[in-house]
Amino acid sequence: MSEPKNENIEAFETFKEALHKSLTHLNDPLYQPPKIMWELLRVPNHHGVKAIQSAIIHALGALKPKPDVAPHAPSQRAYEILTSRYIKGLTQEDTGLQLGLTARHVRREQKRAINDLAQWLWAQSVYEKEVDPEEEDQNLSTWRSQVQQELAALQQGNRVEVTNIKSTLEGVLKVGKALTAKYNVLLNIQNVPSNLAGKIHPSVLRQIVLTAIEKLVAYMSLGNISLRAKQSGDSVTLTISGNPIREKTEQSLPDSALIREMLNEFDGELTIQHNRETLSYQIAIPSAIESISVLTIDDNTDLLNFYQRWTTNTPYQITQLTDGKLLFETIAEVNPDVIVLDVMLPETDGWELLTYLHEHPDTTNIPVIICSVIRREELALTLGASLCLPKPVRRRQFIEALDEICR
């Protein structure tokens, strides 16, 4: 099976969404499918929704594996999930019980099966069929089984892997530059937070990004490929963009069955965007925000409570301390990544504490932010502070200071 040509990718994605919705309304006589469903399935509009539903059921029947296909083969599994969910009307949970799968596994396999059905229907339409180089001369089911076996070996014991995105991309950079240099293309990383993490195996993420880079350079001569990543709600979004892209209207879109297959195993998604001279792979994976421990020392409890509220829904986890005498005892307990220190403390001197922190071998590498009404930046930096934040301080300043230190 293959994806549509470059110029039709947006139409294909629209069709796939419409197909998914039509499947959920497969027994609804009042459902009105969008225009693209009538066009791709070549059904005259005046025939009514029943004709669309019949065409989808016929397509499902055409994809039914032959009797000699193994019961647990991917093609057999995909057919059983689609028929259970949309012909029999079972829930994901009931489908899982019937097939001996978890609901999460059913959800993942369902997404893949709908994509396969959409590709098959697309290939039967007026659009020309292409061959995905990654699947050329290979049996799709066999190839998928091999990929799934490799992924299963990486996830022994169903352990959830948490991958630091920035360090993984930095590792990719070393390998990827060897490839991009052949095409006189520069490879760089832009604006990736140091604490950004995703629920995916690091080896899998490296192969995904390298595959995207490899496909992009085939469409380039000179130019740049940039790697970016950001937090997007409960997901991490990676964008691998190449610019400028040569016009290759005769070639198929540089999609990747390998990337999609690997992302499916980790509940991720791939979106390909082509805008003038820029081609981008946008990869979404579940987020796993790494917490950053911040120890705040200030006798102003109201301000400490502000710190706590300001960092809600951020990676920063605040530990409050009002008594400087307990500083080293607390450090031993919480092992902070950052310390925010006031200078004017009731029973201890903040400058002395800063000096101790800088000179003590257990704390010399912990960055310290001086946050005080005493604005002595030169003295603070001389004594070992990493940054000075003058009071009164606002939320944005506080978060930006932590972000700067963590970068």
Protein backbone atom coordinates (compact mmCIF):
# COMPACT_ATOMS: atom_id res chain seq x y z
CA MET A 1 0.00 0.00 0.00
CA SER A 2 1.21 3.52 -0.66
CA GLU A 3 0.44 7.07 0.27
CA PRO A 4 -0.91 9.58 -2.26
CA LYS A 5 1.26 11.84 -4.32
CA ASN A 6 2.75 14.99 -2.85
CA GLU A 7 0.15 17.36 -4.22
CA ASN A 8 -2.70 15.27 -2.80
CA ILE A 9 -1.49 14.71 0.76
CA GLU A 10 -3.89 17.22 2.31
CA ALA A 11 -6.77 15.63 0.43
CA PHE A 12 -5.69 12.18 1.62
CA GLU A 13 -5.57 13.28 5.27
CA THR A 14 -9.01 14.86 4.86
CA PHE A 15 -10.29 11.65 3.29
CA LYS A 16 -8.84 9.52 6.10
CA GLU A 17 -10.59 11.67 8.71
CA ALA A 18 -13.85 11.46 6.74
CA LEU A 19 -13.48 7.68 6.46
CA HIS A 20 -12.98 7.36 10.21
CA LYS A 21 -16.12 9.40 10.84
CA SER A 22 -18.07 7.41 8.25
CA LEU A 23 -17.03 4.16 9.93
CA THR A 24 -18.41 5.41 13.25
CA HIS A 25 -21.70 6.17 11.45
CA LEU A 26 -21.72 2.98 9.40
CA ASN A 27 -25.25 2.09 10.55
CA ASP A 28 -26.64 5.62 10.73
CA PRO A 29 -29.15 6.25 7.90
CA LEU A 30 -29.20 9.99 8.65
CA TYR A 31 -25.45 10.56 8.40
CA GLN A 32 -24.30 12.96 5.67
CA PRO A 33 -20.76 12.07 4.48
CA PRO A 34 -18.56 14.95 3.28
CA LYS A 35 -18.01 15.58 -0.41
CA ILE A 36 -14.63 13.82 -0.55
CA MET A 37 -16.23 10.49 0.41
CA TRP A 38 -18.58 10.63 -2.58
CA GLU A 39 -15.72 11.58 -4.91
CA LEU A 40 -13.15 9.03 -3.73
CA LEU A 41 -15.61 6.14 -3.58
CA ARG A 42 -17.10 7.21 -6.93
CA VAL A 43 -20.64 7.09 -5.59
CA PRO A 44 -23.20 9.51 -7.12
CA ASN A 45 -24.59 11.78 -4.43
CA HIS A 46 -28.20 11.01 -5.31
CA HIS A 47 -27.70 7.34 -4.37
CA GLY A 48 -27.79 8.30 -0.70
CA VAL A 49 -25.68 7.45 2.34
CA LYS A 50 -26.55 3.75 2.08
CA ALA A 51 -24.41 3.53 -1.05
CA ILE A 52 -21.41 5.02 0.79
CA GLN A 53 -21.87 2.61 3.68
CA SER A 54 -22.14 -0.33 1.29
CA ALA A 55 -18.94 0.74 -0.48
CA ILE A 56 -17.06 0.82 2.85
CA ILE A 57 -18.41 -2.61 3.84
CA HIS A 58 -17.38 -3.95 0.42
CA ALA A 59 -13.86 -2.52 0.94
CA LEU A 60 -13.63 -4.23 4.32
CA GLY A 61 -14.63 -7.49 2.67
CA ALA A 62 -11.99 -7.04 -0.02
CA LEU A 63 -9.33 -6.72 2.67
CA LYS A 64 -10.32 -9.96 4.39
CA PRO A 65 -7.18 -12.14 4.57
CA LYS A 66 -7.06 -15.49 2.84
CA PRO A 67 -7.81 -18.63 4.92
CA ASP A 68 -4.13 -19.60 5.08
CA VAL A 69 -3.14 -16.37 6.83
CA ALA A 70 -2.06 -16.91 10.45
CA PRO A 71 -4.70 -15.91 13.07
CA HIS A 72 -2.36 -13.40 14.71
CA ALA A 73 -1.00 -11.88 11.49
CA PRO A 74 -1.27 -8.05 11.38
CA SER A 75 -3.60 -8.14 8.36
CA GLN A 76 -5.92 -10.60 10.14
CA ARG A 77 -5.83 -8.52 13.33
CA ALA A 78 -6.63 -5.32 11.42
CA TYR A 79 -9.59 -6.97 9.65
CA GLU A 80 -11.00 -8.37 12.91
CA ILE A 81 -10.68 -5.05 14.73
CA LEU A 82 -12.42 -3.07 11.96
CA THR A 83 -15.26 -5.59 11.62
CA SER A 84 -15.68 -5.89 15.40
CA ARG A 85 -15.70 -2.16 15.95
CA TYR A 86 -17.76 -1.00 12.97
CA ILE A 87 -19.70 -3.95 11.58
CA LYS A 88 -20.58 -5.57 14.93
CA GLY A 89 -20.56 -2.24 16.80
CA LEU A 90 -18.44 -3.45 19.72
CA THR A 91 -16.64 -1.05 22.05
CA GLN A 92 -12.85 -0.98 22.18
CA GLU A 93 -12.98 -2.77 25.53
CA ASP A 94 -15.28 -5.53 24.22
CA THR A 95 -13.16 -5.86 21.09
CA GLY A 96 -10.09 -6.28 23.26
CA LEU A 97 -11.77 -8.98 25.33
CA GLN A 98 -12.82 -10.80 22.18
CA LEU A 99 -9.32 -10.67 20.66
CA GLY A 100 -7.32 -11.01 23.86
CA LEU A 101 -5.91 -7.48 23.64
CA THR A 102 -5.80 -4.48 25.95
CA ALA A 103 -7.95 -1.46 25.10
CA ARG A 104 -4.75 0.52 24.49
CA HIS A 105 -3.56 -2.11 21.99
CA VAL A 106 -6.93 -2.08 20.24
CA ARG A 107 -6.77 1.72 20.01
CA ARG A 108 -3.31 1.58 18.42
CA GLU A 109 -4.20 -1.23 16.00
CA GLN A 110 -7.47 0.49 15.08
CA LYS A 111 -5.62 3.64 14.03
CA ARG A 112 -3.27 1.59 11.87
CA ALA A 113 -6.13 -0.41 10.33
CA ILE A 114 -8.06 2.73 9.38
CA ASN A 115 -4.94 4.14 7.75
CA ASP A 116 -4.53 0.90 5.75
CA LEU A 117 -8.16 0.95 4.68
CA ALA A 118 -7.85 4.59 3.60
CA GLN A 119 -4.72 3.79 1.57
CA TRP A 120 -6.44 0.86 -0.14
CA LEU A 121 -9.48 2.93 -1.05
CA TRP A 122 -7.25 5.76 -2.24
CA ALA A 123 -5.30 3.38 -4.45
CA GLN A 124 -8.58 2.24 -6.04
CA SER A 125 -9.55 5.83 -6.81
CA VAL A 126 -8.60 8.05 -9.73
CA TYR A 127 -5.21 8.80 -8.17
CA GLU A 128 -2.19 6.89 -9.45
CA LYS A 129 -0.77 4.19 -7.23
CA GLU A 130 2.85 4.56 -6.05
CA VAL A 131 5.15 2.16 -4.20
CA ASP A 132 6.67 3.09 -0.85
CA PRO A 133 10.42 2.37 -1.19
CA GLU A 134 10.48 1.01 2.35
CA GLU A 135 7.94 -1.67 1.43
CA GLU A 136 9.03 -2.39 -2.14
CA ASP A 137 9.48 -6.12 -2.83
CA GLN A 138 8.32 -6.93 0.71
CA ASN A 139 5.19 -8.48 2.06
CA LEU A 140 3.51 -5.78 4.17
CA SER A 141 2.39 -8.15 6.91
CA THR A 142 5.80 -9.83 7.19
CA TRP A 143 7.61 -6.50 7.27
CA ARG A 144 5.30 -5.14 9.97
CA SER A 145 5.76 -8.27 12.06
CA GLN A 146 9.52 -7.83 11.91
CA VAL A 147 9.28 -4.19 12.96
CA GLN A 148 6.94 -5.06 15.84
CA GLN A 149 9.31 -7.81 17.03
CA GLU A 150 12.19 -5.33 17.11
CA LEU A 151 10.10 -2.83 19.05
CA ALA A 152 8.90 -5.48 21.48
CA ALA A 153 12.51 -6.45 22.22
CA LEU A 154 13.23 -2.82 23.15
CA GLN A 155 10.28 -2.75 25.55
CA GLN A 156 11.00 -5.81 27.67
CA GLY A 157 8.65 -6.07 30.62
CA ASN A 158 6.37 -3.33 29.20
CA ARG A 159 8.63 -0.77 30.88
CA VAL A 160 7.65 2.78 29.97
CA GLU A 161 10.70 4.52 28.53
CA VAL A 162 11.19 8.23 29.19
CA THR A 163 13.51 9.96 26.75
CA ASN A 164 15.12 13.36 27.13
CA ILE A 165 14.40 14.99 23.78
CA LYS A 166 17.31 17.44 23.68
CA SER A 167 20.04 14.91 24.48
CA THR A 168 18.57 12.46 21.97
CA LEU A 169 18.53 15.09 19.21
CA GLU A 170 22.09 16.07 20.06
CA GLY A 171 23.08 12.44 19.52
CA VAL A 172 21.23 12.43 16.19
CA LEU A 173 23.09 15.59 15.18
CA LYS A 174 26.45 13.84 15.19
CA VAL A 175 25.26 11.05 12.90
CA GLY A 176 22.93 13.16 10.76
CA LYS A 177 25.60 15.71 9.83
CA ALA A 178 27.57 13.00 8.04
CA LEU A 179 24.55 12.44 5.78
CA THR A 180 23.51 16.05 5.23
CA ALA A 181 27.08 17.13 4.41
CA LYS A 182 26.93 15.01 1.24
CA TYR A 183 24.10 17.23 0.03
CA ASN A 184 25.68 20.49 1.26
CA VAL A 185 22.80 20.79 3.72
CA LEU A 186 23.30 22.20 7.22
CA LEU A 187 21.72 20.36 10.15
CA ASN A 188 20.95 22.21 13.37
CA ILE A 189 18.89 22.09 16.59
CA GLN A 190 16.72 25.07 17.51
CA ASN A 191 14.93 25.95 20.76
CA VAL A 192 14.68 22.59 22.51
CA PRO A 193 14.10 22.90 26.29
CA SER A 194 16.59 20.87 28.31
CA ASN A 195 13.88 19.27 30.46
CA LEU A 196 11.59 18.18 27.60
CA ALA A 197 10.88 14.45 27.72
CA GLY A 198 8.68 12.00 25.85
CA LYS A 199 7.33 8.49 26.48
CA ILE A 200 9.27 6.72 23.76
CA HIS A 201 12.39 4.59 23.61
CA PRO A 202 15.44 6.76 22.77
CA SER A 203 16.64 4.31 20.13
CA VAL A 204 13.25 4.47 18.40
CA LEU A 205 13.22 8.27 18.47
CA ARG A 206 16.72 8.39 16.96
CA GLN A 207 15.68 6.14 14.07
CA ILE A 208 12.54 8.19 13.47
CA VAL A 209 14.45 11.48 13.28
CA LEU A 210 17.26 10.02 11.16
CA THR A 211 14.72 8.53 8.74
CA ALA A 212 13.03 11.93 8.39
CA ILE A 213 16.40 13.61 7.76
CA GLU A 214 17.31 11.01 5.16
CA LYS A 215 14.05 11.57 3.29
CA LEU A 216 14.35 15.36 3.43
CA VAL A 217 17.86 15.55 1.97
CA ALA A 218 16.68 13.59 -1.07
CA TYR A 219 14.55 16.65 -1.85
CA MET A 220 17.29 19.19 -1.22
CA SER A 221 20.54 20.59 -2.54
CA LEU A 222 22.00 23.20 -0.20
CA GLY A 223 19.77 24.70 2.47
CA ASN A 224 19.05 23.79 6.09
CA ILE A 225 17.33 21.07 8.09
CA SER A 226 16.26 22.23 11.54
CA LEU A 227 15.20 20.11 14.50
CA ARG A 228 12.79 21.76 16.93
CA ALA A 229 10.69 20.49 19.83
CA LYS A 230 8.18 21.95 22.25
CA GLN A 231 5.59 20.99 24.82
CA SER A 232 2.06 20.90 23.33
CA GLY A 233 -0.44 20.12 26.06
CA ASP A 234 0.12 16.50 27.07
CA SER A 235 2.27 15.84 24.01
CA VAL A 236 5.74 16.69 22.79
CA THR A 237 5.86 17.95 19.21
CA LEU A 238 9.05 17.49 17.19
CA THR A 239 9.37 19.29 13.89
CA ILE A 240 12.03 18.32 11.33
CA SER A 241 11.96 20.92 8.55
CA GLY A 242 13.94 21.19 5.32
CA ASN A 243 14.30 24.40 3.32
CA PRO A 244 14.49 25.01 0.42
CA ILE A 245 12.86 21.97 -1.14
CA ARG A 246 13.31 21.32 -4.85
CA GLU A 247 10.14 20.91 -6.88
CA LYS A 248 9.65 17.22 -7.68
CA THR A 249 6.08 16.95 -8.83
CA GLU A 250 6.72 13.59 -10.49
CA GLN A 251 7.78 11.94 -7.25
CA SER A 252 5.53 10.69 -4.50
CA LEU A 253 5.40 12.38 -1.13
CA PRO A 254 8.40 11.41 1.04
CA ASP A 255 6.22 9.60 3.55
CA SER A 256 7.58 6.81 5.71
CA ALA A 257 5.80 3.60 6.63
CA LEU A 258 8.64 2.91 9.07
CA ILE A 259 8.10 6.15 10.99
CA ARG A 260 4.35 5.59 11.15
CA GLU A 261 4.78 1.98 12.29
CA MET A 262 7.18 2.92 15.08
CA LEU A 263 5.04 5.83 16.23
CA ASN A 264 1.96 3.62 16.38
CA GLU A 265 3.67 1.48 19.00
CA PHE A 266 4.13 4.52 21.24
CA ASP A 267 0.77 6.22 20.58
CA GLY A 268 2.48 8.84 18.43
CA GLU A 269 1.40 10.50 15.20
CA LEU A 270 3.10 11.79 12.07
CA THR A 271 1.93 14.77 10.04
CA ILE A 272 3.70 15.90 6.87
CA GLN A 273 3.40 19.53 5.84
CA HIS A 274 4.52 21.06 2.54
CA ASN A 275 4.44 24.84 2.32
CA ARG A 276 6.13 26.40 -0.69
CA GLU A 277 9.85 25.68 -0.25
CA THR A 278 9.58 24.02 3.18
CA LEU A 279 8.81 20.37 3.86
CA SER A 280 8.27 19.36 7.48
CA TYR A 281 7.78 16.15 9.42
CA GLN A 282 5.76 16.93 12.56
CA ILE A 283 5.96 14.14 15.12
CA ALA A 284 3.75 14.06 18.23
CA ILE A 285 4.54 11.71 21.10
CA PRO A 286 3.12 11.48 24.64
CA SER A 287 4.84 13.84 27.04
CA ALA A 288 6.78 12.81 30.13
CA ILE A 289 7.72 16.09 31.75
CA GLU A 290 10.89 15.73 33.81
CA SER A 291 10.50 17.46 37.15
CA ILE A 292 13.13 19.97 38.25
CA SER A 293 13.59 20.40 41.99
CA VAL A 294 13.81 24.02 43.14
CA LEU A 295 14.67 24.90 46.74
CA THR A 296 13.50 28.41 47.70
CA ILE A 297 14.88 30.08 50.85
CA ASP A 298 13.02 33.20 51.98
CA ASP A 299 11.44 34.34 55.24
CA ASN A 300 8.51 35.83 53.30
CA THR A 301 6.00 32.97 53.33
CA ASP A 302 3.61 34.85 51.04
CA LEU A 303 6.31 35.05 48.38
CA LEU A 304 7.15 31.37 48.82
CA ASN A 305 3.48 30.56 48.26
CA PHE A 306 3.56 32.68 45.11
CA TYR A 307 6.53 30.63 43.89
CA GLN A 308 4.47 27.49 44.51
CA ARG A 309 1.45 28.76 42.56
CA TRP A 310 3.52 30.23 39.75
CA THR A 311 5.14 26.88 39.00
CA THR A 312 1.91 24.86 38.89
CA ASN A 313 1.74 22.87 35.61
CA THR A 314 5.44 23.48 34.95
CA PRO A 315 8.38 21.10 35.38
CA TYR A 316 9.49 23.01 38.48
CA GLN A 317 8.77 21.39 41.86
CA ILE A 318 9.13 23.88 44.73
CA THR A 319 10.43 23.05 48.19
CA GLN A 320 9.99 25.95 50.65
CA LEU A 321 12.42 26.89 53.40
CA THR A 322 12.12 29.91 55.73
CA ASP A 323 15.08 29.18 58.00
CA GLY A 324 18.56 29.38 56.44
CA LYS A 325 20.01 27.32 59.29
CA LEU A 326 18.26 24.25 57.86
CA LEU A 327 19.66 24.80 54.36
CA PHE A 328 22.23 21.99 54.17
CA GLU A 329 19.98 19.55 56.00
CA THR A 330 17.21 20.26 53.47
CA ILE A 331 19.60 20.00 50.52
CA ALA A 332 20.54 16.50 51.66
CA GLU A 333 16.86 15.53 51.73
CA VAL A 334 15.56 17.04 48.48
CA ASN A 335 18.72 17.13 46.32
CA PRO A 336 17.65 20.34 44.50
CA ASP A 337 18.55 21.12 40.90
CA VAL A 338 18.30 24.90 41.53
CA ILE A 339 18.37 27.09 44.65
CA VAL A 340 16.59 30.45 44.91
CA LEU A 341 18.10 32.40 47.82
CA ASP A 342 17.12 35.63 49.56
CA VAL A 343 19.91 37.74 51.10
CA MET A 344 18.06 39.32 54.03
CA LEU A 345 17.23 36.40 56.30
CA PRO A 346 16.33 36.80 60.00
CA GLU A 347 18.95 34.56 61.64
CA THR A 348 21.51 33.92 58.91
CA ASP A 349 23.21 36.03 56.26
CA GLY A 350 22.38 35.17 52.67
CA TRP A 351 25.84 36.17 51.45
CA GLU A 352 27.45 33.74 53.88
CA LEU A 353 25.10 30.97 52.77
CA LEU A 354 25.95 31.70 49.14
CA THR A 355 29.66 31.47 49.94
CA TYR A 356 29.18 28.14 51.73
CA LEU A 357 27.14 26.78 48.84
CA HIS A 358 29.78 27.80 46.32
CA GLU A 359 32.71 26.42 48.31
CA HIS A 360 31.18 23.18 49.63
CA PRO A 361 32.02 20.23 47.32
CA ASP A 362 28.48 18.78 47.64
CA THR A 363 26.76 21.98 46.49
CA THR A 364 29.26 23.88 44.35
CA ASN A 365 27.59 22.64 41.13
CA ILE A 366 24.05 23.59 42.16
CA PRO A 367 23.13 26.88 40.41
CA VAL A 368 21.94 29.61 42.78
CA ILE A 369 19.62 32.48 41.90
CA ILE A 370 19.84 35.44 44.28
CA CYS A 371 16.34 36.95 44.60
CA SER A 372 16.46 40.00 46.87
CA VAL A 373 15.73 43.69 47.30
CA ILE A 374 19.52 44.05 47.81
CA ARG A 375 20.69 44.64 44.29
CA ARG A 376 24.36 43.73 44.36
CA GLU A 377 24.74 41.72 41.19
CA GLU A 378 28.54 42.00 40.96
CA LEU A 379 28.96 40.79 44.54
CA ALA A 380 26.46 37.96 44.02
CA LEU A 381 28.19 36.69 40.89
CA THR A 382 31.61 37.02 42.55
CA LEU A 383 30.45 34.87 45.46
CA GLY A 384 29.18 32.15 43.10
CA ALA A 385 25.60 33.01 42.14
CA SER A 386 24.49 32.09 38.63
CA LEU A 387 21.84 34.78 38.27
CA CYS A 388 20.35 37.76 40.11
CA LEU A 389 16.63 38.45 40.25
CA PRO A 390 15.64 41.78 41.87
CA LYS A 391 12.53 42.04 44.03
CA PRO A 392 9.70 42.70 43.53
CA VAL A 393 9.57 39.77 41.14
CA ARG A 394 6.72 38.71 38.88
CA ARG A 395 5.74 35.26 37.68
CA ARG A 396 7.10 35.69 34.17
CA GLN A 397 10.48 36.91 35.45
CA PHE A 398 10.67 34.03 37.92
CA ILE A 399 9.87 31.34 35.34
CA GLU A 400 12.21 32.88 32.75
CA ALA A 401 15.03 32.91 35.32
CA LEU A 402 14.50 29.21 36.04
CA ASP A 403 14.29 28.46 32.32
CA GLU A 404 17.56 30.30 31.71
CA ILE A 405 19.36 28.45 34.49
CA CYS A 406 18.07 25.06 33.28
CA ARG A 407 19.09 25.74 29.70
